[in-house]
Protein backbone atom coordinates (compact mmCIF):
# COMPACT_ATOMS: atom_id res chain seq x y z
CA MET A 1 53.52 92.40 -158.68
CA LYS A 2 52.44 89.71 -161.54
CA GLU A 3 53.24 86.21 -161.00
CA ILE A 4 53.63 84.21 -164.13
CA LYS A 5 52.88 80.41 -163.23
CA THR A 6 54.09 77.23 -165.38
CA LYS A 7 52.43 73.77 -166.27
CA SER A 8 53.58 71.19 -167.44
CA SER A 9 52.18 70.26 -170.80
CA GLU A 10 50.68 67.39 -170.00
CA ARG A 11 48.98 68.46 -166.99
CA ALA A 12 47.83 71.74 -168.44
CA GLY A 13 46.29 70.01 -171.69
CA SER A 14 48.14 71.24 -174.60
CA PRO A 15 46.57 70.51 -177.83
CA ILE A 16 50.46 69.75 -179.25
CA PRO A 17 51.26 65.91 -178.66
CA GLY A 18 54.10 65.79 -176.74
CA GLY A 19 55.02 69.63 -176.87
CA GLU A 20 54.60 72.98 -175.46
CA ARG A 21 52.57 75.86 -176.64
CA ASN A 22 53.84 79.05 -177.09
CA GLY A 23 53.18 82.53 -175.51
CA PRO A 24 51.01 83.37 -172.39
CA GLU A 25 47.54 81.31 -171.86
CA PRO A 26 45.23 82.56 -169.15
CA VAL A 27 44.47 80.55 -165.95
CA GLY A 28 41.33 80.52 -164.18
CA ALA A 29 39.31 83.43 -162.57
CA THR A 30 42.65 84.92 -161.57
CA GLY A 31 44.03 86.61 -164.32
CA LEU A 32 47.21 85.02 -163.81
CA GLU A 33 49.05 83.71 -166.69
CA SER A 34 50.69 80.69 -167.68
CA PHE A 35 53.76 81.31 -169.18
CA ARG A 36 55.36 77.78 -170.56
CA THR A 37 58.73 77.23 -171.77
CA SER A 38 61.06 74.14 -171.57
CA ILE A 39 64.47 74.30 -170.34
CA GLY A 40 65.33 72.33 -173.48
CA CYS A 41 64.96 74.94 -175.91
CA LEU A 42 66.88 77.26 -174.27
CA ARG A 43 69.91 77.73 -176.62
CA SER A 44 72.27 78.74 -173.86
CA MET A 45 72.56 79.55 -170.05
CA LEU A 46 72.64 83.23 -170.90
CA ASP A 47 69.39 83.17 -172.42
CA GLY A 48 67.82 81.47 -169.57
CA LEU A 49 68.68 84.37 -167.45
CA ARG A 50 68.04 86.88 -169.86
CA ILE A 51 64.50 85.28 -169.96
CA ILE A 52 64.09 85.54 -166.18
CA GLU A 53 65.63 89.22 -166.11
CA ARG A 54 62.96 90.33 -169.03
CA VAL A 55 60.18 88.61 -166.70
CA ALA A 56 61.12 90.26 -163.73
CA ALA A 57 61.92 93.70 -165.38
CA ARG A 58 58.23 93.74 -166.32
CA GLY A 59 57.56 93.37 -162.60
CA ALA A 60 56.15 89.64 -162.60
CA THR A 61 57.86 86.75 -161.06
CA PHE A 62 58.30 82.60 -162.29
CA ARG A 63 56.95 79.74 -160.24
CA ALA A 64 56.85 76.37 -161.65
CA LEU A 65 53.50 74.75 -160.43
CA ASP A 66 55.04 71.22 -160.97
CA ARG A 67 58.36 71.85 -159.70
CA GLN A 68 58.46 73.40 -156.37
CA TRP A 69 62.15 73.59 -156.33
CA LEU A 70 62.18 75.93 -159.09
CA ASP A 71 61.25 78.90 -157.63
CA LEU A 72 63.16 81.63 -159.39
CA THR A 73 62.49 84.42 -156.62
CA THR A 74 65.02 83.22 -154.64
CA PRO A 75 69.09 83.22 -155.25
CA LEU A 76 68.92 79.35 -155.10
CA GLY A 77 66.28 78.94 -157.75
CA LYS A 78 68.48 81.13 -160.09
CA GLY A 79 70.95 79.36 -159.37
CA ILE A 80 69.24 76.09 -160.34
CA LEU A 81 68.24 77.67 -163.39
CA ALA A 82 71.54 78.49 -164.70
CA PHE A 83 72.71 75.17 -164.19
CA LEU A 84 69.76 73.64 -166.08
CA SER A 85 70.85 76.07 -168.78
CA ALA A 86 74.09 75.03 -168.95
CA LEU A 87 73.46 71.70 -169.47
CA ALA A 88 71.08 72.62 -172.38
CA GLU A 89 73.81 74.43 -173.77
CA ASP A 90 75.97 71.46 -173.33
CA GLU A 91 73.33 69.33 -174.72
CA ARG A 92 72.63 71.58 -177.63
CA SER A 93 76.52 71.72 -178.87
CA ARG A 94 76.60 67.81 -178.35
CA ILE A 95 73.73 67.78 -180.76
CA LEU A 96 75.16 69.82 -183.16
CA ALA A 97 78.23 67.94 -183.38
CA ARG A 98 76.87 64.96 -183.95
CA ALA A 99 74.72 66.38 -187.08
CA ASN A 100 78.05 68.18 -188.45
CA GLU A 101 79.24 64.64 -188.44
CA GLY A 102 76.54 62.77 -189.61
CA ARG A 103 76.69 65.55 -193.04
CA ALA A 104 80.41 65.08 -193.48
CA ALA A 105 80.14 60.72 -193.17
CA ALA A 106 77.36 61.35 -195.83
CA LYS A 107 79.37 63.39 -198.10
CA LYS A 108 82.12 61.11 -197.83
CA ARG A 109 79.72 58.32 -199.21
CA GLY A 110 78.84 60.53 -201.86
CA ALA A 111 75.22 61.63 -200.93
CA LYS A 112 73.91 64.94 -202.26
CA PHE A 113 72.53 67.84 -200.59
CA GLY A 114 70.26 70.39 -201.80
CA PRO A 115 67.23 70.31 -203.94
CA LYS A 116 67.09 68.20 -207.06
CA PRO A 117 67.82 69.78 -209.98
CA LYS A 118 64.72 70.79 -212.12
CA LEU A 119 66.13 69.83 -215.44
CA ALA A 120 68.36 66.54 -216.53
CA PRO A 121 71.75 67.31 -217.59
CA HIS A 122 70.60 66.50 -221.49
CA GLN A 123 67.72 68.77 -220.80
CA GLN A 124 69.98 71.86 -219.57
CA ARG A 125 72.25 71.04 -222.80
CA ASP A 126 69.27 71.47 -224.77
CA ALA A 127 67.92 74.38 -223.08
CA VAL A 128 71.76 76.18 -223.66
CA ARG A 129 71.50 75.49 -227.10
CA MET A 130 68.04 76.60 -228.17
CA VAL A 131 68.72 79.68 -226.04
CA ARG A 132 72.17 80.24 -228.31
CA ASP A 133 70.43 79.86 -231.41
CA GLY A 134 67.91 82.58 -230.27
CA GLN A 135 65.14 81.72 -228.39
CA SER A 136 64.34 83.73 -225.31
CA LEU A 137 65.03 82.52 -221.82
CA ARG A 138 61.43 82.90 -221.29
CA ALA A 139 60.41 81.28 -224.33
CA VAL A 140 62.90 77.95 -223.43
CA ALA A 141 61.54 78.23 -219.38
CA HIS A 142 58.01 77.69 -220.80
CA HIS A 143 59.11 74.75 -222.71
CA TYR A 144 60.49 72.80 -219.89
CA HIS A 145 58.03 74.13 -217.18
CA VAL A 146 60.69 76.24 -215.31
CA GLY A 147 61.47 79.40 -214.26
CA HIS A 148 63.74 81.37 -216.45
CA SER A 149 65.91 81.93 -213.51
CA THR A 150 66.35 78.26 -213.97
CA ILE A 151 67.52 78.66 -217.40
CA ALA A 152 70.00 81.67 -216.71
CA ARG A 153 71.57 79.17 -214.19
CA ALA A 154 71.78 76.43 -216.87
CA LEU A 155 73.60 79.02 -219.35
CA GLU A 156 75.86 80.35 -216.73
CA ARG A 157 77.36 76.78 -215.51
CA ALA A 158 77.45 76.26 -219.40
CA SER A 159 79.73 79.38 -219.59
CA GLU A 160 81.52 78.27 -216.59
CA LEU A 161 82.35 74.78 -218.06
CA ARG A 162 83.72 76.53 -221.46
CA ARG A 163 86.57 78.69 -219.58
């Protein structure tokens, strides 16, 4: 049975500051692979359990070299992973709730979301007038250094305002 071992990114010398690297990496002359992951990146408790099931289905075991208590070959280790995954899921839901509250508060203060318009309102009015006077969308777009879709959207908004 193949064994997958983990080390923390600091001990393994990860080139990414403060982060883990994705994917397996060969370790030493034994041919064992190091599988790095962070409990915090799991989206749910089920994600953690599915990862371990996929690893086990391929005939490998999972042991954390820097966390001896996290031996996922035992029922106790699987229980610990389930508990940590549940904590990660709870933390993720709290982060999402705070982010949504922050967006709602910003919207209430009048913050605008999304990319800034390519054309100012007066430029949009002029572009619509130029198209209605007979110039092509592409010619007007070329004049303002934007794509023709930008001019088409300005026309759509202008026609919606007329209704």
